[in-house]
Amino acid sequence: MIGFSESIVLPVSPNEAFAYLGDPTTATTVDPAVVSYESDMDPMDVGAHNKIRARMFGLVMSAESVVRTWTPGELMVIESTKPARPAKGIATHRFERHPEGTLYTWSMEFLPTVPGGSIAARIFAWGFRRAVRRQQERFRDIMAARAAEPQQR
């Protein structure tokens, strides 16, 4: 497998973390590399098609994805559909109860789709892993700030 898995503890419930991350309107807040994130379903669910523009390796790139699994408070799996070459990515987001809130794990698997695609998949995995670590830290900080707010939500 070409990919990685990164975990972090968030100081909120799995349902709250899932709801925040699963809301397309928060994508640019959670991940500053995301320029825009649009879904054809509101709220998102299985089968939702998403259009994403993000900065990667210094360039703004466009991509499309589809939601394969959507279990609120537990699991979301999102698979890239465009570009389809030289590799596609499958992002798995798990939300598990933890004594301090939620253990959030973001795993990525990159599947080569053409001969030689494994080279690109390795580069994608390296770049995404670095971005995911930064995104998770930012997500933790956002969730900590929300947890510290008065309970008016």
N, C-alpha and C. Protein backbone atom coordinates (compact mmCIF):
# COMPACT_ATOMS: atom_id res chain seq x y z
N MET A 1 0.84 -1.20 0.00
CA MET A 1 0.00 0.00 0.00
C MET A 1 0.88 1.24 0.00
N ILE A 2 0.46 2.21 -0.77
CA ILE A 2 1.13 3.51 -0.77
C ILE A 2 0.19 4.45 -0.04
N GLY A 3 0.62 4.95 1.11
CA GLY A 3 -0.23 5.84 1.88
C GLY A 3 0.31 6.08 3.26
N PHE A 4 -0.57 6.50 4.15
CA PHE A 4 -0.18 6.83 5.51
C PHE A 4 -1.42 6.91 6.38
N SER A 5 -1.18 7.06 7.68
CA SER A 5 -2.25 7.25 8.64
C SER A 5 -1.72 8.17 9.73
N GLU A 6 -2.47 9.19 10.08
CA GLU A 6 -2.10 10.14 11.13
C GLU A 6 -3.26 10.30 12.10
N SER A 7 -2.98 10.31 13.39
CA SER A 7 -4.02 10.46 14.41
C SER A 7 -3.71 11.61 15.35
N ILE A 8 -4.77 12.17 15.92
CA ILE A 8 -4.65 13.25 16.89
C ILE A 8 -5.88 13.20 17.80
N VAL A 9 -5.73 13.66 19.03
CA VAL A 9 -6.85 13.69 19.97
C VAL A 9 -7.47 15.08 19.93
N LEU A 10 -8.80 15.12 19.78
CA LEU A 10 -9.55 16.37 19.75
C LEU A 10 -10.39 16.47 21.03
N PRO A 11 -10.48 17.65 21.64
CA PRO A 11 -11.18 17.79 22.92
C PRO A 11 -12.70 17.99 22.80
N VAL A 12 -13.31 17.30 21.85
CA VAL A 12 -14.77 17.37 21.65
C VAL A 12 -15.26 15.96 21.35
N SER A 13 -16.57 15.79 21.32
CA SER A 13 -17.15 14.48 21.04
C SER A 13 -16.94 14.09 19.58
N PRO A 14 -16.99 12.78 19.28
CA PRO A 14 -16.90 12.35 17.88
C PRO A 14 -17.98 12.99 16.99
N ASN A 15 -19.19 13.14 17.52
CA ASN A 15 -20.26 13.75 16.72
C ASN A 15 -19.94 15.19 16.36
N GLU A 16 -19.42 15.94 17.33
CA GLU A 16 -19.09 17.35 17.06
C GLU A 16 -17.94 17.47 16.07
N ALA A 17 -16.91 16.65 16.25
CA ALA A 17 -15.76 16.70 15.33
C ALA A 17 -16.19 16.31 13.92
N PHE A 18 -16.97 15.25 13.81
CA PHE A 18 -17.44 14.79 12.51
C PHE A 18 -18.28 15.87 11.82
N ALA A 19 -19.22 16.44 12.56
CA ALA A 19 -20.11 17.45 11.98
C ALA A 19 -19.32 18.65 11.46
N TYR A 20 -18.31 19.07 12.21
CA TYR A 20 -17.53 20.23 11.80
C TYR A 20 -16.71 19.90 10.55
N LEU A 21 -15.99 18.78 10.58
CA LEU A 21 -15.14 18.42 9.45
C LEU A 21 -15.98 18.07 8.22
N GLY A 22 -17.15 17.49 8.42
CA GLY A 22 -18.00 17.08 7.31
C GLY A 22 -18.82 18.20 6.68
N ASP A 23 -18.67 19.41 7.18
CA ASP A 23 -19.38 20.57 6.64
C ASP A 23 -18.48 21.25 5.61
N PRO A 24 -18.85 21.24 4.32
CA PRO A 24 -17.99 21.84 3.30
C PRO A 24 -17.65 23.31 3.57
N THR A 25 -18.50 24.02 4.30
CA THR A 25 -18.22 25.44 4.55
C THR A 25 -17.05 25.66 5.51
N THR A 26 -16.62 24.62 6.22
CA THR A 26 -15.48 24.77 7.13
C THR A 26 -14.16 24.35 6.50
N ALA A 27 -14.19 23.82 5.29
CA ALA A 27 -12.98 23.27 4.66
C ALA A 27 -11.84 24.28 4.58
N THR A 28 -12.14 25.52 4.21
CA THR A 28 -11.07 26.51 4.10
C THR A 28 -10.55 26.97 5.46
N THR A 29 -11.36 26.81 6.50
CA THR A 29 -10.93 27.15 7.85
C THR A 29 -10.03 26.06 8.41
N VAL A 30 -10.44 24.81 8.24
CA VAL A 30 -9.67 23.69 8.77
C VAL A 30 -8.36 23.52 8.01
N ASP A 31 -8.39 23.71 6.71
CA ASP A 31 -7.20 23.51 5.88
C ASP A 31 -6.97 24.73 5.00
N PRO A 32 -6.03 25.60 5.37
CA PRO A 32 -5.79 26.81 4.58
C PRO A 32 -5.33 26.54 3.15
N ALA A 33 -4.89 25.31 2.84
CA ALA A 33 -4.50 24.98 1.47
C ALA A 33 -5.73 24.88 0.57
N VAL A 34 -6.90 24.65 1.16
CA VAL A 34 -8.13 24.54 0.38
C VAL A 34 -8.59 25.95 -0.02
N VAL A 35 -8.73 26.16 -1.30
CA VAL A 35 -9.20 27.44 -1.83
C VAL A 35 -10.72 27.45 -1.87
N SER A 36 -11.32 26.32 -2.28
CA SER A 36 -12.78 26.20 -2.29
C SER A 36 -13.15 24.73 -2.23
N TYR A 37 -14.34 24.47 -1.65
CA TYR A 37 -14.86 23.10 -1.53
C TYR A 37 -16.37 23.18 -1.70
N GLU A 38 -16.86 22.58 -2.77
CA GLU A 38 -18.28 22.61 -3.07
C GLU A 38 -18.81 21.19 -3.18
N SER A 39 -19.95 20.94 -2.56
CA SER A 39 -20.58 19.62 -2.64
C SER A 39 -21.95 19.77 -3.28
N ASP A 40 -22.39 18.73 -3.98
CA ASP A 40 -23.72 18.79 -4.58
C ASP A 40 -24.81 18.32 -3.61
N MET A 41 -24.44 18.01 -2.35
CA MET A 41 -25.42 17.65 -1.32
C MET A 41 -25.19 18.50 -0.08
N ASP A 42 -26.28 18.93 0.50
CA ASP A 42 -26.21 19.69 1.76
C ASP A 42 -27.34 19.22 2.66
N PRO A 43 -27.06 18.47 3.71
CA PRO A 43 -25.73 18.08 4.16
C PRO A 43 -25.16 16.96 3.30
N MET A 44 -23.84 16.78 3.40
CA MET A 44 -23.18 15.73 2.64
C MET A 44 -23.65 14.36 3.12
N ASP A 45 -23.57 13.39 2.21
CA ASP A 45 -23.94 12.02 2.52
C ASP A 45 -23.32 11.13 1.45
N VAL A 46 -23.56 9.82 1.54
CA VAL A 46 -23.05 8.88 0.54
C VAL A 46 -23.52 9.31 -0.84
N GLY A 47 -22.58 9.31 -1.78
CA GLY A 47 -22.90 9.68 -3.15
C GLY A 47 -22.67 11.14 -3.48
N ALA A 48 -22.39 11.96 -2.48
CA ALA A 48 -22.14 13.38 -2.75
C ALA A 48 -20.91 13.53 -3.64
N HIS A 49 -21.02 14.41 -4.64
CA HIS A 49 -19.89 14.73 -5.51
C HIS A 49 -19.36 16.09 -5.08
N ASN A 50 -18.04 16.15 -4.96
CA ASN A 50 -17.40 17.36 -4.45
C ASN A 50 -16.40 17.90 -5.45
N LYS A 51 -16.32 19.22 -5.51
CA LYS A 51 -15.32 19.90 -6.33
C LYS A 51 -14.42 20.68 -5.38
N ILE A 52 -13.13 20.42 -5.49
CA ILE A 52 -12.17 21.01 -4.57
C ILE A 52 -11.09 21.74 -5.37
N ARG A 53 -10.74 22.92 -4.90
CA ARG A 53 -9.57 23.64 -5.42
C ARG A 53 -8.66 23.83 -4.23
N ALA A 54 -7.38 23.44 -4.40
CA ALA A 54 -6.44 23.53 -3.29
C ALA A 54 -5.04 23.82 -3.81
N ARG A 55 -4.24 24.41 -2.93
CA ARG A 55 -2.84 24.65 -3.25
C ARG A 55 -2.03 23.42 -2.87
N MET A 56 -1.29 22.91 -3.85
CA MET A 56 -0.42 21.77 -3.58
C MET A 56 0.86 21.97 -4.37
N PHE A 57 1.98 21.83 -3.68
CA PHE A 57 3.29 22.04 -4.30
C PHE A 57 3.37 23.42 -4.95
N GLY A 58 2.70 24.41 -4.32
CA GLY A 58 2.75 25.79 -4.78
C GLY A 58 1.79 26.12 -5.91
N LEU A 59 1.02 25.17 -6.38
CA LEU A 59 0.09 25.40 -7.48
C LEU A 59 -1.34 25.19 -7.00
N VAL A 60 -2.29 25.95 -7.60
CA VAL A 60 -3.69 25.70 -7.31
C VAL A 60 -4.17 24.62 -8.26
N MET A 61 -4.67 23.53 -7.67
CA MET A 61 -5.11 22.38 -8.45
C MET A 61 -6.59 22.14 -8.21
N SER A 62 -7.26 21.60 -9.21
CA SER A 62 -8.67 21.23 -9.09
C SER A 62 -8.79 19.72 -9.02
N ALA A 63 -9.75 19.28 -8.23
CA ALA A 63 -9.99 17.85 -8.09
C ALA A 63 -11.47 17.63 -7.84
N GLU A 64 -11.92 16.41 -8.07
CA GLU A 64 -13.29 16.02 -7.75
C GLU A 64 -13.24 14.73 -6.97
N SER A 65 -14.25 14.55 -6.11
CA SER A 65 -14.31 13.35 -5.29
C SER A 65 -15.76 12.93 -5.09
N VAL A 66 -15.93 11.72 -4.57
CA VAL A 66 -17.26 11.22 -4.25
C VAL A 66 -17.20 10.59 -2.86
N VAL A 67 -18.26 10.79 -2.10
CA VAL A 67 -18.35 10.21 -0.76
C VAL A 67 -18.79 8.75 -0.90
N ARG A 68 -17.97 7.83 -0.40
CA ARG A 68 -18.26 6.39 -0.47
C ARG A 68 -18.92 5.88 0.82
N THR A 69 -18.51 6.44 1.97
CA THR A 69 -19.07 6.03 3.27
C THR A 69 -19.30 7.28 4.09
N TRP A 70 -20.46 7.33 4.76
CA TRP A 70 -20.80 8.50 5.59
C TRP A 70 -21.59 8.00 6.79
N THR A 71 -20.90 7.79 7.89
CA THR A 71 -21.51 7.32 9.13
C THR A 71 -21.28 8.40 10.17
N PRO A 72 -22.24 9.32 10.37
CA PRO A 72 -22.04 10.46 11.27
C PRO A 72 -21.49 10.05 12.64
N GLY A 73 -20.47 10.80 13.05
CA GLY A 73 -19.83 10.57 14.34
C GLY A 73 -18.81 9.45 14.33
N GLU A 74 -18.68 8.74 13.20
CA GLU A 74 -17.78 7.59 13.17
C GLU A 74 -16.81 7.56 12.00
N LEU A 75 -17.35 7.64 10.77
CA LEU A 75 -16.51 7.34 9.61
C LEU A 75 -16.98 8.07 8.37
N MET A 76 -16.01 8.63 7.64
CA MET A 76 -16.28 9.13 6.30
C MET A 76 -15.15 8.66 5.39
N VAL A 77 -15.53 8.17 4.21
CA VAL A 77 -14.55 7.74 3.22
C VAL A 77 -14.86 8.49 1.94
N ILE A 78 -13.84 9.17 1.42
CA ILE A 78 -14.01 10.00 0.24
C ILE A 78 -12.95 9.59 -0.78
N GLU A 79 -13.40 9.29 -2.00
CA GLU A 79 -12.50 8.81 -3.05
C GLU A 79 -12.38 9.85 -4.15
N SER A 80 -11.15 10.11 -4.57
CA SER A 80 -10.96 11.05 -5.68
C SER A 80 -11.43 10.41 -6.98
N THR A 81 -12.03 11.23 -7.83
CA THR A 81 -12.48 10.75 -9.14
C THR A 81 -11.80 11.49 -10.29
N LYS A 82 -11.39 12.72 -10.06
CA LYS A 82 -10.66 13.51 -11.06
C LYS A 82 -9.61 14.33 -10.33
N PRO A 83 -8.41 14.38 -10.78
CA PRO A 83 -7.92 13.62 -11.92
C PRO A 83 -7.85 12.12 -11.59
N ALA A 84 -8.03 11.31 -12.60
CA ALA A 84 -8.02 9.86 -12.42
C ALA A 84 -6.65 9.25 -12.71
N ARG A 85 -5.75 10.06 -13.20
CA ARG A 85 -4.40 9.58 -13.53
C ARG A 85 -3.38 10.57 -12.99
N PRO A 86 -2.26 10.18 -12.56
CA PRO A 86 -1.65 8.85 -12.62
C PRO A 86 -2.00 7.97 -11.40
N ALA A 87 -2.71 8.56 -10.43
CA ALA A 87 -3.11 7.79 -9.24
C ALA A 87 -4.35 8.45 -8.65
N LYS A 88 -5.14 7.65 -7.94
CA LYS A 88 -6.29 8.23 -7.25
C LYS A 88 -6.09 8.03 -5.76
N GLY A 89 -6.75 8.87 -4.98
CA GLY A 89 -6.61 8.80 -3.54
C GLY A 89 -7.92 8.42 -2.86
N ILE A 90 -7.80 7.71 -1.76
CA ILE A 90 -8.95 7.38 -0.93
C ILE A 90 -8.64 7.88 0.48
N ALA A 91 -9.44 8.82 0.95
CA ALA A 91 -9.26 9.40 2.29
C ALA A 91 -10.26 8.77 3.24
N THR A 92 -9.76 8.25 4.35
CA THR A 92 -10.61 7.65 5.37
C THR A 92 -10.45 8.45 6.66
N HIS A 93 -11.56 8.98 7.15
CA HIS A 93 -11.56 9.77 8.39
C HIS A 93 -12.33 8.98 9.44
N ARG A 94 -11.64 8.61 10.53
CA ARG A 94 -12.27 7.85 11.63
C ARG A 94 -12.34 8.73 12.88
N PHE A 95 -13.46 8.62 13.57
CA PHE A 95 -13.71 9.38 14.79
C PHE A 95 -14.07 8.38 15.88
N GLU A 96 -13.19 8.20 16.86
CA GLU A 96 -13.41 7.21 17.92
C GLU A 96 -13.39 7.88 19.28
N ARG A 97 -14.24 7.40 20.17
CA ARG A 97 -14.26 7.94 21.53
C ARG A 97 -12.89 7.76 22.17
N HIS A 98 -12.52 8.75 22.95
CA HIS A 98 -11.23 8.77 23.64
C HIS A 98 -11.48 9.43 24.99
N PRO A 99 -10.73 9.06 26.04
CA PRO A 99 -10.96 9.68 27.36
C PRO A 99 -10.90 11.21 27.34
N GLU A 100 -10.17 11.77 26.38
CA GLU A 100 -10.06 13.23 26.30
C GLU A 100 -10.95 13.82 25.20
N GLY A 101 -11.80 13.02 24.61
CA GLY A 101 -12.70 13.52 23.56
C GLY A 101 -12.82 12.55 22.41
N THR A 102 -12.05 12.81 21.35
CA THR A 102 -12.11 12.01 20.13
C THR A 102 -10.72 11.72 19.62
N LEU A 103 -10.48 10.47 19.26
CA LEU A 103 -9.28 10.12 18.51
C LEU A 103 -9.67 10.22 17.04
N TYR A 104 -9.09 11.19 16.36
CA TYR A 104 -9.39 11.43 14.95
C TYR A 104 -8.21 10.90 14.13
N THR A 105 -8.50 9.99 13.21
CA THR A 105 -7.47 9.40 12.35
C THR A 105 -7.81 9.67 10.91
N TRP A 106 -6.85 10.24 10.20
CA TRP A 106 -6.99 10.48 8.77
C TRP A 106 -5.99 9.56 8.08
N SER A 107 -6.50 8.61 7.30
CA SER A 107 -5.66 7.70 6.52
C SER A 107 -5.86 8.01 5.04
N MET A 108 -4.79 7.88 4.30
CA MET A 108 -4.86 8.07 2.84
C MET A 108 -4.21 6.87 2.17
N GLU A 109 -4.85 6.40 1.13
CA GLU A 109 -4.28 5.36 0.29
C GLU A 109 -4.27 5.89 -1.14
N PHE A 110 -3.15 5.71 -1.81
CA PHE A 110 -3.02 6.17 -3.19
C PHE A 110 -2.84 4.96 -4.10
N LEU A 111 -3.71 4.86 -5.08
CA LEU A 111 -3.73 3.71 -5.98
C LEU A 111 -3.29 4.15 -7.37
N PRO A 112 -2.18 3.61 -7.85
CA PRO A 112 -1.74 3.93 -9.21
C PRO A 112 -2.80 3.49 -10.22
N THR A 113 -3.04 4.31 -11.24
CA THR A 113 -4.05 3.98 -12.25
C THR A 113 -3.44 3.81 -13.64
N VAL A 114 -2.15 4.06 -13.77
CA VAL A 114 -1.45 3.88 -15.05
C VAL A 114 -0.06 3.33 -14.74
N PRO A 115 0.59 2.72 -15.73
CA PRO A 115 1.97 2.28 -15.51
C PRO A 115 2.84 3.46 -15.06
N GLY A 116 3.63 3.26 -14.05
CA GLY A 116 4.46 4.33 -13.52
C GLY A 116 3.73 5.20 -12.51
N GLY A 117 2.45 4.96 -12.31
CA GLY A 117 1.67 5.77 -11.38
C GLY A 117 2.11 5.63 -9.94
N SER A 118 2.83 4.56 -9.63
CA SER A 118 3.29 4.38 -8.24
C SER A 118 4.29 5.46 -7.84
N ILE A 119 5.03 5.99 -8.80
CA ILE A 119 5.96 7.07 -8.49
C ILE A 119 5.18 8.31 -8.06
N ALA A 120 4.17 8.65 -8.85
CA ALA A 120 3.32 9.80 -8.49
C ALA A 120 2.60 9.53 -7.18
N ALA A 121 2.13 8.31 -6.96
CA ALA A 121 1.42 7.98 -5.72
C ALA A 121 2.32 8.21 -4.51
N ARG A 122 3.58 7.85 -4.61
CA ARG A 122 4.52 8.07 -3.50
C ARG A 122 4.74 9.57 -3.24
N ILE A 123 4.82 10.33 -4.31
CA ILE A 123 4.98 11.78 -4.16
C ILE A 123 3.73 12.38 -3.52
N PHE A 124 2.56 11.95 -3.99
CA PHE A 124 1.30 12.44 -3.41
C PHE A 124 1.23 12.09 -1.92
N ALA A 125 1.59 10.85 -1.58
CA ALA A 125 1.54 10.42 -0.18
C ALA A 125 2.46 11.28 0.68
N TRP A 126 3.64 11.56 0.20
CA TRP A 126 4.58 12.40 0.95
C TRP A 126 4.01 13.80 1.15
N GLY A 127 3.50 14.41 0.08
CA GLY A 127 2.95 15.76 0.18
C GLY A 127 1.70 15.83 1.04
N PHE A 128 0.81 14.89 0.86
CA PHE A 128 -0.42 14.88 1.65
C PHE A 128 -0.14 14.64 3.12
N ARG A 129 0.80 13.76 3.44
CA ARG A 129 1.09 13.48 4.86
C ARG A 129 1.52 14.75 5.58
N ARG A 130 2.39 15.51 4.96
CA ARG A 130 2.83 16.78 5.56
C ARG A 130 1.65 17.71 5.76
N ALA A 131 0.79 17.82 4.75
CA ALA A 131 -0.38 18.70 4.83
C ALA A 131 -1.37 18.20 5.88
N VAL A 132 -1.56 16.90 5.98
CA VAL A 132 -2.50 16.32 6.94
C VAL A 132 -2.05 16.61 8.37
N ARG A 133 -0.76 16.50 8.64
CA ARG A 133 -0.26 16.80 9.99
C ARG A 133 -0.60 18.24 10.37
N ARG A 134 -0.38 19.17 9.45
CA ARG A 134 -0.69 20.59 9.72
C ARG A 134 -2.20 20.78 9.88
N GLN A 135 -2.98 20.12 9.01
CA GLN A 135 -4.43 20.25 9.09
C GLN A 135 -4.95 19.72 10.41
N GLN A 136 -4.43 18.59 10.87
CA GLN A 136 -4.91 18.02 12.12
C GLN A 136 -4.60 18.93 13.30
N GLU A 137 -3.43 19.54 13.32
CA GLU A 137 -3.10 20.46 14.40
C GLU A 137 -4.04 21.66 14.39
N ARG A 138 -4.32 22.18 13.21
CA ARG A 138 -5.25 23.31 13.09
C ARG A 138 -6.65 22.88 13.53
N PHE A 139 -7.09 21.71 13.12
CA PHE A 139 -8.40 21.18 13.51
C PHE A 139 -8.48 21.04 15.03
N ARG A 140 -7.41 20.52 15.64
CA ARG A 140 -7.39 20.39 17.11
C ARG A 140 -7.53 21.76 17.77
N ASP A 141 -6.82 22.76 17.25
CA ASP A 141 -6.90 24.11 17.82
C ASP A 141 -8.31 24.70 17.67
N ILE A 142 -8.93 24.48 16.54
CA ILE A 142 -10.30 24.97 16.31
C ILE A 142 -11.26 24.28 17.29
N MET A 143 -11.12 22.98 17.43
CA MET A 143 -12.01 22.23 18.33
C MET A 143 -11.77 22.63 19.79
N ALA A 144 -10.52 22.90 20.16
CA ALA A 144 -10.23 23.35 21.52
C ALA A 144 -10.88 24.70 21.79
N ALA A 145 -10.83 25.60 20.82
CA ALA A 145 -11.47 26.91 20.98
C ALA A 145 -12.97 26.76 21.10
N ARG A 146 -13.56 25.86 20.31
CA ARG A 146 -15.01 25.62 20.40
C ARG A 146 -15.37 25.02 21.75
N ALA A 147 -14.55 24.10 22.24
CA ALA A 147 -14.82 23.45 23.52
C ALA A 147 -14.76 24.46 24.68
N ALA A 148 -13.93 25.50 24.51
CA ALA A 148 -13.79 26.52 25.56
C ALA A 148 -14.89 27.56 25.51
N GLU A 149 -15.67 27.62 24.43
CA GLU A 149 -16.76 28.59 24.32
C GLU A 149 -17.88 28.25 25.30
N PRO A 150 -18.62 29.25 25.73
CA PRO A 150 -19.81 28.96 26.55
C PRO A 150 -20.75 28.03 25.77
N GLN A 151 -21.44 27.18 26.45
CA GLN A 151 -22.31 26.18 25.81
C GLN A 151 -23.58 26.81 25.25
N GLN A 152 -23.44 27.56 24.16
CA GLN A 152 -24.60 28.18 23.51
C GLN A 152 -24.81 27.61 22.13
N ARG A 153 -24.14 26.52 21.80
CA ARG A 153 -24.27 25.92 20.47
C ARG A 153 -25.49 25.08 20.38
